[in-house]
Amino acid sequence: MVGVLIGALLGDGGTGPPASGSAPGSGKSVNTIGFDRACRPVPSLSRAPRPSTAPPWRARLTRWARDGALLLALLWAVQAWQTRDVPRGAAPDFNAAAVSARPDAQLSLAQWRAAHPGQPVALNFWAEWCPVCKLEQDNVSQVAGHWPVLTVAMRSGDVTAVRRELERRQLPWATVVDPDGAIAARYGVRAVPAFIVIDAEGRVSAGSVGYTTTAGMWLRLVRAAWELP
């Protein structure tokens, strides 16, 4: 009896509650390692997104390209609106007073084209009071040295006044006078400067209103020269 009591006090004899790691009533140890692993949170394998490593110049280049495309689209839309009344097809003929050494000289578009057969010709509308025309005049002079460009002085006075202005600016342009804007109206020109290209067949090929670069004038004339009839 005493031995039984001593055994119970010492946990000997298997009558107490099962020890940790033992199955009740089986005397076998339970694998607690798997249980612990199942309950232990598994570290996440996903990583935080890394910041972009694209070089700064690439982002700037992309932004510039986007802004440039938007600017070109805007300029194209403005040009399309400003030249909406420029006629297509046969160029309207005219006969106007010419700035010439010969008094009472007249010049028509037909005469100007006949003097340059097989070539496109250009009409450059300008005015004495137009500041943009002054910025563009060197471009016109450069192009006129290689292509037949006839300038039209719109609402800038009579032949004497226009001749005086050309001499003051030292511009050796072939020029006719459009004192009341009638020629400009026939070409749908509402503002100056304006650059109209007429191909060798006498058809309006291209037009621009506002400042036009030398390259822009050249390209329009070259394109007209290469257009098929």
C-alpha atoms as a PDB file:
ATOM      1  CA  MET A   1       0.000   0.000   0.000  1.00  0.00           C
ATOM      2  CA  VAL A   2       2.766   2.309   0.936  1.00  0.00           C
ATOM      3  CA  GLY A   3       4.514   1.383  -2.324  1.00  0.00           C
ATOM      4  CA  VAL A   4       1.434   2.200  -4.329  1.00  0.00           C
ATOM      5  CA  LEU A   5       1.130   5.604  -2.715  1.00  0.00           C
ATOM      6  CA  ILE A   6       4.808   6.326  -3.285  1.00  0.00           C
ATOM      7  CA  GLY A   7       4.455   5.284  -6.942  1.00  0.00           C
ATOM      8  CA  ALA A   8       1.468   7.551  -7.430  1.00  0.00           C
ATOM      9  CA  LEU A   9       3.300  10.476  -5.913  1.00  0.00           C
ATOM     10  CA  LEU A  10       6.328   9.853  -8.127  1.00  0.00           C
ATOM     11  CA  GLY A  11       4.202   9.407 -11.345  1.00  0.00           C
ATOM     12  CA  ASP A  12       5.195   5.767 -11.574  1.00  0.00           C
ATOM     13  CA  GLY A  13       2.514   3.272 -12.611  1.00  0.00           C
ATOM     14  CA  GLY A  14       0.850   5.229 -15.517  1.00  0.00           C
ATOM     15  CA  THR A  15      -2.196   6.453 -13.605  1.00  0.00           C
ATOM     16  CA  GLY A  16      -1.539  10.178 -13.963  1.00  0.00           C
ATOM     17  CA  PRO A  17      -2.374  12.404 -16.949  1.00  0.00           C
ATOM     18  CA  PRO A  18      -0.302  11.716 -20.019  1.00  0.00           C
ATOM     19  CA  ALA A  19       2.860  13.701 -20.334  1.00  0.00           C
ATOM     20  CA  SER A  20       3.349  16.160 -23.114  1.00  0.00           C
ATOM     21  CA  GLY A  21       4.231  14.300 -26.240  1.00  0.00           C
ATOM     22  CA  SER A  22       2.345  11.129 -25.292  1.00  0.00           C
ATOM     23  CA  ALA A  23      -0.954   9.872 -26.675  1.00  0.00           C
ATOM     24  CA  PRO A  24      -3.540   9.215 -23.987  1.00  0.00           C
ATOM     25  CA  GLY A  25      -3.718   5.561 -23.095  1.00  0.00           C
ATOM     26  CA  SER A  26      -1.233   4.535 -25.758  1.00  0.00           C
ATOM     27  CA  GLY A  27       2.049   5.121 -24.043  1.00  0.00           C
ATOM     28  CA  LYS A  28       3.418   6.221 -27.422  1.00  0.00           C
ATOM     29  CA  SER A  29       5.034   9.538 -28.071  1.00  0.00           C
ATOM     30  CA  VAL A  30       3.190  11.939 -30.367  1.00  0.00           C
ATOM     31  CA  ASN A  31       5.206  13.684 -33.087  1.00  0.00           C
ATOM     32  CA  THR A  32       4.748  17.270 -31.976  1.00  0.00           C
ATOM     33  CA  ILE A  33       7.263  18.556 -34.517  1.00  0.00           C
ATOM     34  CA  GLY A  34       4.784  18.325 -37.381  1.00  0.00           C
ATOM     35  CA  PHE A  35       2.115  20.035 -35.329  1.00  0.00           C
ATOM     36  CA  ASP A  36       4.440  22.871 -34.479  1.00  0.00           C
ATOM     37  CA  ARG A  37       5.406  23.280 -38.134  1.00  0.00           C
ATOM     38  CA  ALA A  38       1.772  23.289 -39.190  1.00  0.00           C
ATOM     39  CA  CYS A  39       0.900  26.020 -36.686  1.00  0.00           C
ATOM     40  CA  ARG A  40       3.972  28.121 -37.251  1.00  0.00           C
ATOM     41  CA  PRO A  41       3.298  30.894 -39.872  1.00  0.00           C
ATOM     42  CA  VAL A  42       5.196  30.369 -43.100  1.00  0.00           C
ATOM     43  CA  PRO A  43       7.217  33.395 -44.139  1.00  0.00           C
ATOM     44  CA  SER A  44       5.806  35.148 -47.213  1.00  0.00           C
ATOM     45  CA  LEU A  45       7.754  34.524 -50.415  1.00  0.00           C
ATOM     46  CA  SER A  46       6.415  37.676 -52.137  1.00  0.00           C
ATOM     47  CA  ARG A  47       8.729  40.662 -52.230  1.00  0.00           C
ATOM     48  CA  ALA A  48       7.936  44.328 -52.090  1.00  0.00           C
ATOM     49  CA  PRO A  49       7.974  45.931 -55.570  1.00  0.00           C
ATOM     50  CA  ARG A  50      11.287  47.453 -56.422  1.00  0.00           C
ATOM     51  CA  PRO A  51      11.432  51.066 -57.458  1.00  0.00           C
ATOM     52  CA  SER A  52      11.818  51.688 -61.201  1.00  0.00           C
ATOM     53  CA  THR A  53      15.395  51.479 -62.345  1.00  0.00           C
ATOM     54  CA  ALA A  54      14.767  53.201 -65.754  1.00  0.00           C
ATOM     55  CA  PRO A  55      17.349  55.935 -66.353  1.00  0.00           C
ATOM     56  CA  PRO A  56      16.013  59.492 -65.911  1.00  0.00           C
ATOM     57  CA  TRP A  57      16.937  60.482 -69.463  1.00  0.00           C
ATOM     58  CA  ARG A  58      14.556  57.868 -70.862  1.00  0.00           C
ATOM     59  CA  ALA A  59      11.627  59.299 -68.933  1.00  0.00           C
ATOM     60  CA  ARG A  60      12.537  62.815 -70.110  1.00  0.00           C
ATOM     61  CA  LEU A  61      12.867  61.635 -73.706  1.00  0.00           C
ATOM     62  CA  THR A  62       9.464  59.968 -73.561  1.00  0.00           C
ATOM     63  CA  ARG A  63       7.897  63.116 -72.135  1.00  0.00           C
ATOM     64  CA  TRP A  64       9.537  65.299 -74.780  1.00  0.00           C
ATOM     65  CA  ALA A  65       8.387  62.982 -77.556  1.00  0.00           C
ATOM     66  CA  ARG A  66       4.818  63.064 -76.253  1.00  0.00           C
ATOM     67  CA  ASP A  67       4.844  66.847 -75.897  1.00  0.00           C
ATOM     68  CA  GLY A  68       6.381  67.240 -79.354  1.00  0.00           C
ATOM     69  CA  ALA A  69       3.716  65.052 -80.923  1.00  0.00           C
ATOM     70  CA  LEU A  70       0.978  67.085 -79.227  1.00  0.00           C
ATOM     71  CA  LEU A  71       2.573  70.340 -80.408  1.00  0.00           C
ATOM     72  CA  LEU A  72       2.811  69.102 -84.004  1.00  0.00           C
ATOM     73  CA  ALA A  73      -0.800  67.987 -83.923  1.00  0.00           C
ATOM     74  CA  LEU A  74      -1.816  71.412 -82.610  1.00  0.00           C
ATOM     75  CA  LEU A  75       0.193  73.233 -85.296  1.00  0.00           C
ATOM     76  CA  TRP A  76      -1.315  71.020 -87.988  1.00  0.00           C
ATOM     77  CA  ALA A  77      -4.807  71.774 -86.720  1.00  0.00           C
ATOM     78  CA  VAL A  78      -4.096  75.530 -86.683  1.00  0.00           C
ATOM     79  CA  GLN A  79      -2.712  75.409 -90.240  1.00  0.00           C
ATOM     80  CA  ALA A  80      -5.690  73.406 -91.447  1.00  0.00           C
ATOM     81  CA  TRP A  81      -8.028  76.015 -89.968  1.00  0.00           C
ATOM     82  CA  GLN A  82      -6.123  79.001 -91.344  1.00  0.00           C
ATOM     83  CA  THR A  83      -5.918  77.552 -94.871  1.00  0.00           C
ATOM     84  CA  ARG A  84      -9.491  76.261 -94.932  1.00  0.00           C
ATOM     85  CA  ASP A  85     -10.473  78.816 -97.610  1.00  0.00           C
ATOM     86  CA  VAL A  86      -7.433  78.337 -99.851  1.00  0.00           C
ATOM     87  CA  PRO A  87      -8.832  77.016-103.138  1.00  0.00           C
ATOM     88  CA  ARG A  88      -8.004  73.584-104.469  1.00  0.00           C
ATOM     89  CA  GLY A  89      -7.652  72.867-108.150  1.00  0.00           C
ATOM     90  CA  ALA A  90      -6.869  75.576-110.681  1.00  0.00           C
ATOM     91  CA  ALA A  91      -5.162  78.632-109.197  1.00  0.00           C
ATOM     92  CA  PRO A  92      -7.186  81.834-109.679  1.00  0.00           C
ATOM     93  CA  ASP A  93      -5.550  84.096-112.234  1.00  0.00           C
ATOM     94  CA  PHE A  94      -5.060  87.806-111.632  1.00  0.00           C
ATOM     95  CA  ASN A  95      -3.569  90.846-113.280  1.00  0.00           C
ATOM     96  CA  ALA A  96      -2.042  93.483-111.011  1.00  0.00           C
ATOM     97  CA  ALA A  97       0.253  96.477-110.989  1.00  0.00           C
ATOM     98  CA  ALA A  98       3.860  95.341-110.731  1.00  0.00           C
ATOM     99  CA  VAL A  99       6.755  97.003-108.953  1.00  0.00           C
ATOM    100  CA  SER A 100       9.008  97.510-111.940  1.00  0.00           C
ATOM    101  CA  ALA A 101      11.333 100.021-113.517  1.00  0.00           C
ATOM    102  CA  ARG A 102       8.765 100.388-116.276  1.00  0.00           C
ATOM    103  CA  PRO A 103       5.911 102.710-115.281  1.00  0.00           C
ATOM    104  CA  ASP A 104       2.385 101.314-115.321  1.00  0.00           C
ATOM    105  CA  ALA A 105       3.759  97.760-115.543  1.00  0.00           C
ATOM    106  CA  GLN A 106       1.252  94.967-115.119  1.00  0.00           C
ATOM    107  CA  LEU A 107       1.865  91.312-114.352  1.00  0.00           C
ATOM    108  CA  SER A 108      -0.554  88.404-114.347  1.00  0.00           C
ATOM    109  CA  LEU A 109      -0.194  84.954-112.848  1.00  0.00           C
ATOM    110  CA  ALA A 110      -0.387  83.484-116.336  1.00  0.00           C
ATOM    111  CA  GLN A 111       2.575  85.635-117.433  1.00  0.00           C
ATOM    112  CA  TRP A 112       4.552  84.674-114.348  1.00  0.00           C
ATOM    113  CA  ARG A 113       3.961  80.973-114.961  1.00  0.00           C
ATOM    114  CA  ALA A 114       4.770  81.329-118.658  1.00  0.00           C
ATOM    115  CA  ALA A 115       8.119  82.884-117.710  1.00  0.00           C
ATOM    116  CA  HIS A 116       8.917  79.717-115.741  1.00  0.00           C
ATOM    117  CA  PRO A 117       7.543  76.826-117.799  1.00  0.00           C
ATOM    118  CA  GLY A 118       7.527  73.353-116.291  1.00  0.00           C
ATOM    119  CA  GLN A 119       8.208  74.647-112.779  1.00  0.00           C
ATOM    120  CA  PRO A 120       6.083  75.208-109.723  1.00  0.00           C
ATOM    121  CA  VAL A 121       5.766  78.840-108.688  1.00  0.00           C
ATOM    122  CA  ALA A 122       4.968  80.409-105.339  1.00  0.00           C
ATOM    123  CA  LEU A 123       2.944  83.412-104.234  1.00  0.00           C
ATOM    124  CA  ASN A 124       4.097  85.046-101.013  1.00  0.00           C
ATOM    125  CA  PHE A 125       1.519  87.387 -99.495  1.00  0.00           C
ATOM    126  CA  TRP A 126       2.979  89.999 -97.149  1.00  0.00           C
ATOM    127  CA  ALA A 127       2.283  93.469 -95.830  1.00  0.00           C
ATOM    128  CA  GLU A 128       4.383  96.471 -94.878  1.00  0.00           C
ATOM    129  CA  TRP A 129       2.717  96.674 -91.434  1.00  0.00           C
ATOM    130  CA  CYS A 130       3.138  92.957 -90.623  1.00  0.00           C
ATOM    131  CA  PRO A 131       5.892  92.192 -88.026  1.00  0.00           C
ATOM    132  CA  VAL A 132       5.867  88.457 -88.773  1.00  0.00           C
ATOM    133  CA  CYS A 133       6.459  89.236 -92.449  1.00  0.00           C
ATOM    134  CA  LYS A 134       9.644  91.059 -91.453  1.00  0.00           C
ATOM    135  CA  LEU A 135      10.826  88.002 -89.530  1.00  0.00           C
ATOM    136  CA  GLU A 136      10.122  85.817 -92.542  1.00  0.00           C
ATOM    137  CA  GLN A 137      11.548  88.018 -95.296  1.00  0.00           C
ATOM    138  CA  ASP A 138      15.033  86.466 -95.239  1.00  0.00           C
ATOM    139  CA  ASN A 139      13.441  83.039 -95.751  1.00  0.00           C
ATOM    140  CA  VAL A 140      11.561  84.347 -98.771  1.00  0.00           C
ATOM    141  CA  SER A 141      14.730  85.889-100.209  1.00  0.00           C
ATOM    142  CA  GLN A 142      16.661  82.632 -99.854  1.00  0.00           C
ATOM    143  CA  VAL A 143      13.947  80.596-101.538  1.00  0.00           C
ATOM    144  CA  ALA A 144      13.421  83.213-104.270  1.00  0.00           C
ATOM    145  CA  GLY A 145      17.070  82.798-105.219  1.00  0.00           C
ATOM    146  CA  HIS A 146      16.294  79.234-106.392  1.00  0.00           C
ATOM    147  CA  TRP A 147      12.576  79.127-107.141  1.00  0.00           C
ATOM    148  CA  PRO A 148      10.184  81.525-108.945  1.00  0.00           C
ATOM    149  CA  VAL A 149       8.520  83.366-106.058  1.00  0.00           C
ATOM    150  CA  LEU A 150       6.170  86.252-106.818  1.00  0.00           C
ATOM    151  CA  THR A 151       5.371  88.334-103.750  1.00  0.00           C
ATOM    152  CA  VAL A 152       2.051  90.096-103.300  1.00  0.00           C
ATOM    153  CA  ALA A 153       2.027  93.265-101.172  1.00  0.00           C
ATOM    154  CA  MET A 154      -1.394  93.223 -99.539  1.00  0.00           C
ATOM    155  CA  ARG A 155      -2.962  96.484 -98.319  1.00  0.00           C
ATOM    156  CA  SER A 156       0.421  98.228 -98.250  1.00  0.00           C
ATOM    157  CA  GLY A 157      -0.247 101.198-100.516  1.00  0.00           C
ATOM    158  CA  ASP A 158       0.284 101.834-104.186  1.00  0.00           C
ATOM    159  CA  VAL A 159       3.229 100.881-106.363  1.00  0.00           C
ATOM    160  CA  THR A 160       5.273 103.889-105.230  1.00  0.00           C
ATOM    161  CA  ALA A 161       4.805 103.087-101.533  1.00  0.00           C
ATOM    162  CA  VAL A 162       5.618  99.403-102.000  1.00  0.00           C
ATOM    163  CA  ARG A 163       8.686 100.174-104.106  1.00  0.00           C
ATOM    164  CA  ARG A 164       9.940 102.532-101.413  1.00  0.00           C
ATOM    165  CA  GLU A 165       9.437  99.877 -98.747  1.00  0.00           C
ATOM    166  CA  LEU A 166      11.267  97.214-100.779  1.00  0.00           C
ATOM    167  CA  GLU A 167      14.186  99.584-101.336  1.00  0.00           C
ATOM    168  CA  ARG A 168      14.310 100.462 -97.654  1.00  0.00           C
ATOM    169  CA  ARG A 169      14.509  96.789 -96.729  1.00  0.00           C
ATOM    170  CA  GLN A 170      16.838  96.036 -99.656  1.00  0.00           C
ATOM    171  CA  LEU A 171      14.575  93.283-100.969  1.00  0.00           C
ATOM    172  CA  PRO A 172      14.972  92.559-104.692  1.00  0.00           C
ATOM    173  CA  TRP A 173      11.639  90.757-104.926  1.00  0.00           C
ATOM    174  CA  ALA A 174       9.373  90.376-107.918  1.00  0.00           C
ATOM    175  CA  THR A 175       6.265  92.028-106.521  1.00  0.00           C
ATOM    176  CA  VAL A 176       2.728  92.921-107.486  1.00  0.00           C
ATOM    177  CA  VAL A 177       0.494  95.238-105.512  1.00  0.00           C
ATOM    178  CA  ASP A 178      -2.821  94.205-103.931  1.00  0.00           C
ATOM    179  CA  PRO A 179      -3.999  97.509-102.421  1.00  0.00           C
ATOM    180  CA  ASP A 180      -7.507  96.405-101.488  1.00  0.00           C
ATOM    181  CA  GLY A 181      -6.816  92.730-100.723  1.00  0.00           C
ATOM    182  CA  ALA A 182      -8.774  91.463-103.733  1.00  0.00           C
ATOM    183  CA  ILE A 183      -6.068  88.989-104.817  1.00  0.00           C
ATOM    184  CA  ALA A 184      -5.662  87.703-101.275  1.00  0.00           C
ATOM    185  CA  ALA A 185      -9.423  87.176-101.035  1.00  0.00           C
ATOM    186  CA  ARG A 186      -9.421  85.083-104.196  1.00  0.00           C
ATOM    187  CA  TYR A 187      -6.865  82.799-102.571  1.00  0.00           C
ATOM    188  CA  GLY A 188      -8.692  82.614 -99.269  1.00  0.00           C
ATOM    189  CA  VAL A 189      -5.900  84.464 -97.476  1.00  0.00           C
ATOM    190  CA  ARG A 190      -7.246  86.183 -94.382  1.00  0.00           C
ATOM    191  CA  ALA A 191      -3.910  86.901 -92.675  1.00  0.00           C
ATOM    192  CA  VAL A 192      -0.294  87.452 -93.642  1.00  0.00           C
ATOM    193  CA  PRO A 193       2.262  86.150 -94.220  1.00  0.00           C
ATOM    194  CA  ALA A 194       0.902  83.406 -96.453  1.00  0.00           C
ATOM    195  CA  PHE A 195       2.795  81.129 -98.825  1.00  0.00           C
ATOM    196  CA  ILE A 196       0.903  79.499-101.709  1.00  0.00           C
ATOM    197  CA  VAL A 197       2.514  76.971-104.064  1.00  0.00           C
ATOM    198  CA  ILE A 198       1.157  76.388-107.584  1.00  0.00           C
ATOM    199  CA  ASP A 199       2.379  73.356-109.501  1.00  0.00           C
ATOM    200  CA  ALA A 200       3.523  73.272-113.141  1.00  0.00           C
ATOM    201  CA  GLU A 201      -0.028  72.455-114.260  1.00  0.00           C
ATOM    202  CA  GLY A 202      -1.405  75.595-112.646  1.00  0.00           C
ATOM    203  CA  ARG A 203      -3.058  73.879-109.667  1.00  0.00           C
ATOM    204  CA  VAL A 204      -2.793  75.003-106.071  1.00  0.00           C
ATOM    205  CA  SER A 205      -0.507  72.443-104.459  1.00  0.00           C
ATOM    206  CA  ALA A 206       0.014  73.710-100.913  1.00  0.00           C
ATOM    207  CA  GLY A 207      -0.562  76.689 -98.684  1.00  0.00           C
ATOM    208  CA  SER A 208       0.558  77.936 -95.304  1.00  0.00           C
ATOM    209  CA  VAL A 209      -0.434  80.931 -93.220  1.00  0.00           C
ATOM    210  CA  GLY A 210       1.850  82.435 -90.610  1.00  0.00           C
ATOM    211  CA  TYR A 211       5.590  82.160 -90.252  1.00  0.00           C
ATOM    212  CA  THR A 212       7.052  79.544 -92.607  1.00  0.00           C
ATOM    213  CA  THR A 213      10.646  78.386 -92.368  1.00  0.00           C
ATOM    214  CA  THR A 214      12.986  78.254 -95.337  1.00  0.00           C
ATOM    215  CA  ALA A 215      12.883  74.458 -95.171  1.00  0.00           C
ATOM    216  CA  GLY A 216       9.080  74.530 -95.104  1.00  0.00           C
ATOM    217  CA  MET A 217       8.960  76.629 -98.272  1.00  0.00           C
ATOM    218  CA  TRP A 218      11.513  74.411 -99.994  1.00  0.00           C
ATOM    219  CA  LEU A 219       9.661  71.217 -99.093  1.00  0.00           C
ATOM    220  CA  ARG A 220       6.370  72.530-100.450  1.00  0.00           C
ATOM    221  CA  LEU A 221       7.984  73.544-103.732  1.00  0.00           C
ATOM    222  CA  VAL A 222       9.908  70.273-104.090  1.00  0.00           C
ATOM    223  CA  ARG A 223       6.761  68.282-103.438  1.00  0.00           C
ATOM    224  CA  ALA A 224       4.918  70.300-106.091  1.00  0.00           C
ATOM    225  CA  ALA A 225       7.762  69.672-108.540  1.00  0.00           C
ATOM    226  CA  TRP A 226       7.470  65.912-108.008  1.00  0.00           C
ATOM    227  CA  GLU A 227       3.686  65.655-108.068  1.00  0.00           C
ATOM    228  CA  LEU A 228       2.329  63.624-110.911  1.00  0.00           C
ATOM    229  CA  PRO A 229      -0.275  65.231-113.189  1.00  0.00           C
END
